[in-house]
Amino acid sequence: RWQQLGLPTSFEGVAINISPYQLLQERFSVHLLKRLDELGLRCDLLKIEITENALIANVDRTSVQLARLRDCGIRVSLDDFGIGYSSMSYLQQLPVDQLKIDRSFIWNMHSNPAALAIVQTIITMGQSLSMQVVAEGVETLEQQQQLVSMGCNALQGFFLQIPMTFTDTEAFLKAG
C-alpha cells in the first residue's frame, strides 16, 4: 500500500527481523522472493535483520540464502551487533550491508569507557568493511552528538522518533 502511495525519496525501506529458524529453511530465500514478486513489491525497499547467532548457526547455508537475497536487491543488517558470539571472520565471508550496534553499548558509552571503546571500534570496523553502521537506542542529544562525531552512519531511538502507528506512518510518508 505504501509503495502504491508513492514513497518520498528519503524512504529507505522496511526492515523485518528474520529468525535463525527461518534462515536455516532450505528454500527460505526462494519463498521470500516469490512472495515479493507476487505482491509486486520492490526488493530494494526491504532489509532483513538477523542476529549474530543466526549467522553462525550454519554459515554455508546462511551465506547462500543471504547472497541470493542481496543479488535481488534486499539489504542485510546484522542486528544487536556486539552481544553475540560470532567470529569476526564471518564479517568478511557473509554478505552483510549493515551493522546495528546493540543499544546496551549506546546507553553505557558515557559512563563506561569500555562501552565507548566498543562503539568506536564497531564504527571503525564497519566503515573499513564498507558497511553502514547504525546505533540503536539513541535517547539523548549527548548520545546523538557523540555518535555523529564518531562517524556513525545512522541512528535509531526514541530521541529521534517515537514508534508510530500504521496510520501515523502512512501520514508521515504522504507528507514526504
C-alpha atoms as a PDB file:
ATOM      1  CA  ARG A   1       0.000   0.000   0.000  1.00  0.00           C
ATOM      2  CA  TRP A   2       2.794   2.412   0.868  1.00  0.00           C
ATOM      3  CA  GLN A   3       4.594   1.646  -2.357  1.00  0.00           C
ATOM      4  CA  GLN A   4       1.420   2.497  -4.304  1.00  0.00           C
ATOM      5  CA  LEU A   5       1.049   5.795  -2.429  1.00  0.00           C
ATOM      6  CA  GLY A   6       4.364   6.948  -3.796  1.00  0.00           C
ATOM      7  CA  LEU A   7       7.190   6.954  -1.327  1.00  0.00           C
ATOM      8  CA  PRO A   8       9.313  10.011  -0.589  1.00  0.00           C
ATOM      9  CA  THR A   9      12.888   9.863  -1.853  1.00  0.00           C
ATOM     10  CA  SER A  10      14.069   9.775   1.769  1.00  0.00           C
ATOM     11  CA  PHE A  11      12.258   6.457   2.362  1.00  0.00           C
ATOM     12  CA  GLU A  12      14.900   3.782   2.808  1.00  0.00           C
ATOM     13  CA  GLY A  13      12.595   0.807   3.140  1.00  0.00           C
ATOM     14  CA  VAL A  14      11.142  -1.540   5.674  1.00  0.00           C
ATOM     15  CA  ALA A  15      13.189  -3.798   7.913  1.00  0.00           C
ATOM     16  CA  ILE A  16      11.928  -7.168   9.082  1.00  0.00           C
ATOM     17  CA  ASN A  17      13.500  -9.464  11.628  1.00  0.00           C
ATOM     18  CA  ILE A  18      14.317 -12.968  10.419  1.00  0.00           C
ATOM     19  CA  SER A  19      14.796 -15.760  12.946  1.00  0.00           C
ATOM     20  CA  PRO A  20      17.617 -18.298  12.786  1.00  0.00           C
ATOM     21  CA  TYR A  21      14.957 -20.957  12.181  1.00  0.00           C
ATOM     22  CA  GLN A  22      13.638 -19.148   9.104  1.00  0.00           C
ATOM     23  CA  LEU A  23      17.098 -18.524   7.733  1.00  0.00           C
ATOM     24  CA  LEU A  24      18.001 -22.192   8.013  1.00  0.00           C
ATOM     25  CA  GLN A  25      14.981 -23.299   5.992  1.00  0.00           C
ATOM     26  CA  GLU A  26      16.402 -24.569   2.713  1.00  0.00           C
ATOM     27  CA  ARG A  27      14.022 -22.598   0.495  1.00  0.00           C
ATOM     28  CA  PHE A  28      13.569 -19.504   2.668  1.00  0.00           C
ATOM     29  CA  SER A  29      15.072 -17.051   0.191  1.00  0.00           C
ATOM     30  CA  VAL A  30      13.219 -18.630  -2.745  1.00  0.00           C
ATOM     31  CA  HIS A  31       9.886 -18.339  -0.923  1.00  0.00           C
ATOM     32  CA  LEU A  32      10.549 -14.754   0.180  1.00  0.00           C
ATOM     33  CA  LEU A  33      11.492 -13.622  -3.325  1.00  0.00           C
ATOM     34  CA  LYS A  34       8.481 -15.392  -4.814  1.00  0.00           C
ATOM     35  CA  ARG A  35       6.159 -13.701  -2.324  1.00  0.00           C
ATOM     36  CA  LEU A  36       7.620 -10.260  -3.027  1.00  0.00           C
ATOM     37  CA  ASP A  37       7.133 -10.861  -6.742  1.00  0.00           C
ATOM     38  CA  GLU A  38       3.526 -11.992  -6.242  1.00  0.00           C
ATOM     39  CA  LEU A  39       2.785  -8.829  -4.277  1.00  0.00           C
ATOM     40  CA  GLY A  40       4.635  -6.596  -6.723  1.00  0.00           C
ATOM     41  CA  LEU A  41       6.951  -5.300  -4.015  1.00  0.00           C
ATOM     42  CA  ARG A  42      10.364  -3.882  -4.822  1.00  0.00           C
ATOM     43  CA  CYS A  43      13.226  -5.843  -3.286  1.00  0.00           C
ATOM     44  CA  ASP A  44      15.299  -2.699  -2.788  1.00  0.00           C
ATOM     45  CA  LEU A  45      12.729  -1.462  -0.264  1.00  0.00           C
ATOM     46  CA  LEU A  46      13.296  -4.448   2.019  1.00  0.00           C
ATOM     47  CA  LYS A  47      16.007  -5.000   4.589  1.00  0.00           C
ATOM     48  CA  ILE A  48      16.196  -8.185   6.617  1.00  0.00           C
ATOM     49  CA  GLU A  49      17.655  -8.034  10.094  1.00  0.00           C
ATOM     50  CA  ILE A  50      19.343 -11.069  11.559  1.00  0.00           C
ATOM     51  CA  THR A  51      21.282 -11.670  14.749  1.00  0.00           C
ATOM     52  CA  GLU A  52      24.867 -12.840  15.004  1.00  0.00           C
ATOM     53  CA  ASN A  53      23.611 -16.191  16.277  1.00  0.00           C
ATOM     54  CA  ALA A  54      21.538 -16.633  13.107  1.00  0.00           C
ATOM     55  CA  LEU A  55      24.683 -16.159  11.066  1.00  0.00           C
ATOM     56  CA  ILE A  56      26.745 -18.791  12.790  1.00  0.00           C
ATOM     57  CA  ALA A  57      24.059 -21.500  13.044  1.00  0.00           C
ATOM     58  CA  ASN A  58      25.033 -22.781   9.589  1.00  0.00           C
ATOM     59  CA  VAL A  59      27.461 -20.479   7.809  1.00  0.00           C
ATOM     60  CA  ASP A  60      27.324 -22.218   4.432  1.00  0.00           C
ATOM     61  CA  ARG A  61      23.518 -22.269   4.160  1.00  0.00           C
ATOM     62  CA  THR A  62      23.213 -18.776   5.614  1.00  0.00           C
ATOM     63  CA  SER A  63      25.733 -17.438   3.118  1.00  0.00           C
ATOM     64  CA  VAL A  64      23.831 -18.909   0.163  1.00  0.00           C
ATOM     65  CA  GLN A  65      20.488 -17.575   1.420  1.00  0.00           C
ATOM     66  CA  LEU A  66      21.818 -14.081   2.066  1.00  0.00           C
ATOM     67  CA  ALA A  67      23.703 -13.898  -1.228  1.00  0.00           C
ATOM     68  CA  ARG A  68      20.549 -14.859  -3.141  1.00  0.00           C
ATOM     69  CA  LEU A  69      18.587 -12.117  -1.378  1.00  0.00           C
ATOM     70  CA  ARG A  70      21.288  -9.480  -1.863  1.00  0.00           C
ATOM     71  CA  ASP A  71      21.562 -10.341  -5.556  1.00  0.00           C
ATOM     72  CA  CYS A  72      17.914  -9.301  -5.877  1.00  0.00           C
ATOM     73  CA  GLY A  73      18.436  -6.019  -4.026  1.00  0.00           C
ATOM     74  CA  ILE A  74      17.423  -6.945  -0.480  1.00  0.00           C
ATOM     75  CA  ARG A  75      19.776  -5.479   2.091  1.00  0.00           C
ATOM     76  CA  VAL A  76      21.078  -7.469   5.056  1.00  0.00           C
ATOM     77  CA  SER A  77      21.560  -5.987   8.515  1.00  0.00           C
ATOM     78  CA  LEU A  78      23.314  -7.636  11.435  1.00  0.00           C
ATOM     79  CA  ASP A  79      21.136  -6.681  14.417  1.00  0.00           C
ATOM     80  CA  ASP A  80      22.273  -6.297  18.053  1.00  0.00           C
ATOM     81  CA  PHE A  81      25.877  -6.419  16.940  1.00  0.00           C
ATOM     82  CA  GLY A  82      28.433  -6.886  19.677  1.00  0.00           C
ATOM     83  CA  ILE A  83      26.487  -9.099  22.075  1.00  0.00           C
ATOM     84  CA  GLY A  84      26.625 -12.388  20.155  1.00  0.00           C
ATOM     85  CA  TYR A  85      29.311 -14.987  19.846  1.00  0.00           C
ATOM     86  CA  SER A  86      30.297 -14.788  16.222  1.00  0.00           C
ATOM     87  CA  SER A  87      33.822 -14.631  14.962  1.00  0.00           C
ATOM     88  CA  MET A  88      34.924 -11.507  13.133  1.00  0.00           C
ATOM     89  CA  SER A  89      35.965 -13.720  10.237  1.00  0.00           C
ATOM     90  CA  TYR A  90      32.272 -14.177   9.377  1.00  0.00           C
ATOM     91  CA  LEU A  91      32.002 -10.487   8.549  1.00  0.00           C
ATOM     92  CA  GLN A  92      34.368 -10.884   5.625  1.00  0.00           C
ATOM     93  CA  GLN A  93      32.677 -14.076   4.400  1.00  0.00           C
ATOM     94  CA  LEU A  94      28.986 -13.229   4.645  1.00  0.00           C
ATOM     95  CA  PRO A  95      27.037 -10.721   2.573  1.00  0.00           C
ATOM     96  CA  VAL A  96      26.133  -8.135   5.211  1.00  0.00           C
ATOM     97  CA  ASP A  97      25.400  -4.488   4.386  1.00  0.00           C
ATOM     98  CA  GLN A  98      24.862  -3.028   7.814  1.00  0.00           C
ATOM     99  CA  LEU A  99      25.906  -3.430  11.453  1.00  0.00           C
ATOM    100  CA  LYS A 100      23.476  -2.301  14.149  1.00  0.00           C
ATOM    101  CA  ILE A 101      25.287  -1.567  17.397  1.00  0.00           C
ATOM    102  CA  ASP A 102      23.363  -3.032  20.297  1.00  0.00           C
ATOM    103  CA  ARG A 103      21.634  -0.426  22.431  1.00  0.00           C
ATOM    104  CA  SER A 104      23.315  -1.634  25.632  1.00  0.00           C
ATOM    105  CA  PHE A 105      26.603  -0.127  24.417  1.00  0.00           C
ATOM    106  CA  ILE A 106      24.927   3.148  23.441  1.00  0.00           C
ATOM    107  CA  TRP A 107      23.215   3.507  26.825  1.00  0.00           C
ATOM    108  CA  ASN A 108      26.503   2.974  28.679  1.00  0.00           C
ATOM    109  CA  MET A 109      29.010   4.746  26.465  1.00  0.00           C
ATOM    110  CA  HIS A 110      29.062   7.977  28.514  1.00  0.00           C
ATOM    111  CA  SER A 111      29.608   6.219  31.841  1.00  0.00           C
ATOM    112  CA  ASN A 112      31.656   3.225  30.757  1.00  0.00           C
ATOM    113  CA  PRO A 113      34.920   3.718  28.849  1.00  0.00           C
ATOM    114  CA  ALA A 114      34.833   0.090  27.674  1.00  0.00           C
ATOM    115  CA  ALA A 115      31.389   0.568  26.095  1.00  0.00           C
ATOM    116  CA  LEU A 116      32.623   3.736  24.378  1.00  0.00           C
ATOM    117  CA  ALA A 117      35.660   1.879  23.035  1.00  0.00           C
ATOM    118  CA  ILE A 118      33.448  -0.919  21.715  1.00  0.00           C
ATOM    119  CA  VAL A 119      31.147   1.570  19.957  1.00  0.00           C
ATOM    120  CA  GLN A 120      34.096   3.344  18.323  1.00  0.00           C
ATOM    121  CA  THR A 121      35.641   0.025  17.306  1.00  0.00           C
ATOM    122  CA  ILE A 122      32.406  -1.203  15.689  1.00  0.00           C
ATOM    123  CA  ILE A 123      32.007   2.088  13.794  1.00  0.00           C
ATOM    124  CA  THR A 124      35.601   1.981  12.549  1.00  0.00           C
ATOM    125  CA  MET A 125      35.368  -1.694  11.617  1.00  0.00           C
ATOM    126  CA  GLY A 126      32.074  -1.195   9.780  1.00  0.00           C
ATOM    127  CA  GLN A 127      33.482   1.724   7.820  1.00  0.00           C
ATOM    128  CA  SER A 128      36.595  -0.284   6.944  1.00  0.00           C
ATOM    129  CA  LEU A 129      34.384  -3.101   5.632  1.00  0.00           C
ATOM    130  CA  SER A 130      32.209  -0.636   3.630  1.00  0.00           C
ATOM    131  CA  MET A 131      29.196  -1.366   5.809  1.00  0.00           C
ATOM    132  CA  GLN A 132      26.674   1.120   7.087  1.00  0.00           C
ATOM    133  CA  VAL A 133      26.731   1.372  10.889  1.00  0.00           C
ATOM    134  CA  VAL A 134      23.553   2.124  12.855  1.00  0.00           C
ATOM    135  CA  ALA A 135      23.401   2.945  16.576  1.00  0.00           C
ATOM    136  CA  GLU A 136      20.300   1.545  18.268  1.00  0.00           C
ATOM    137  CA  GLY A 137      18.682   3.052  21.347  1.00  0.00           C
ATOM    138  CA  VAL A 138      19.698   6.690  20.973  1.00  0.00           C
ATOM    139  CA  GLU A 139      17.776   8.528  23.683  1.00  0.00           C
ATOM    140  CA  THR A 140      19.686  11.754  24.353  1.00  0.00           C
ATOM    141  CA  LEU A 141      21.163  14.673  22.462  1.00  0.00           C
ATOM    142  CA  GLU A 142      24.543  13.854  24.027  1.00  0.00           C
ATOM    143  CA  GLN A 143      24.433  10.321  22.555  1.00  0.00           C
ATOM    144  CA  GLN A 144      23.421  11.664  19.159  1.00  0.00           C
ATOM    145  CA  GLN A 145      26.204  14.236  19.075  1.00  0.00           C
ATOM    146  CA  GLN A 146      28.872  11.775  20.199  1.00  0.00           C
ATOM    147  CA  LEU A 147      27.815   9.122  17.660  1.00  0.00           C
ATOM    148  CA  VAL A 148      27.752  11.631  14.815  1.00  0.00           C
ATOM    149  CA  SER A 149      31.202  12.896  15.804  1.00  0.00           C
ATOM    150  CA  MET A 150      32.442   9.276  15.811  1.00  0.00           C
ATOM    151  CA  GLY A 151      31.242   8.838  12.231  1.00  0.00           C
ATOM    152  CA  CYS A 152      28.205   6.643  12.821  1.00  0.00           C
ATOM    153  CA  ASN A 153      26.129   6.499   9.604  1.00  0.00           C
ATOM    154  CA  ALA A 154      22.641   6.313  11.101  1.00  0.00           C
ATOM    155  CA  LEU A 155      20.863   6.494  14.441  1.00  0.00           C
ATOM    156  CA  GLN A 156      17.722   4.886  15.821  1.00  0.00           C
ATOM    157  CA  GLY A 157      15.893   5.583  19.037  1.00  0.00           C
ATOM    158  CA  PHE A 158      13.207   7.440  20.917  1.00  0.00           C
ATOM    159  CA  PHE A 159      15.225  10.670  20.869  1.00  0.00           C
ATOM    160  CA  LEU A 160      14.851  10.782  17.093  1.00  0.00           C
ATOM    161  CA  GLN A 161      11.367   9.333  16.597  1.00  0.00           C
ATOM    162  CA  ILE A 162       8.886   7.572  18.819  1.00  0.00           C
ATOM    163  CA  PRO A 163       7.220   4.466  17.349  1.00  0.00           C
ATOM    164  CA  MET A 164       4.273   5.307  15.102  1.00  0.00           C
ATOM    165  CA  THR A 165       1.004   3.580  14.382  1.00  0.00           C
ATOM    166  CA  PHE A 166       0.265   2.376  10.860  1.00  0.00           C
ATOM    167  CA  THR A 167      -1.975   5.417  10.267  1.00  0.00           C
ATOM    168  CA  ASP A 168       0.644   7.849  11.567  1.00  0.00           C
ATOM    169  CA  THR A 169       3.334   6.197   9.459  1.00  0.00           C
ATOM    170  CA  GLU A 170       1.184   6.481   6.364  1.00  0.00           C
ATOM    171  CA  ALA A 171       0.537  10.187   7.052  1.00  0.00           C
ATOM    172  CA  PHE A 172       4.275  10.698   7.645  1.00  0.00           C
ATOM    173  CA  LEU A 173       5.106   9.053   4.309  1.00  0.00           C
ATOM    174  CA  LYS A 174       2.477  11.084   2.453  1.00  0.00           C
ATOM    175  CA  ALA A 175       3.920  14.293   3.890  1.00  0.00           C
ATOM    176  CA  GLY A 176       7.304  13.347   2.378  1.00  0.00           C
END
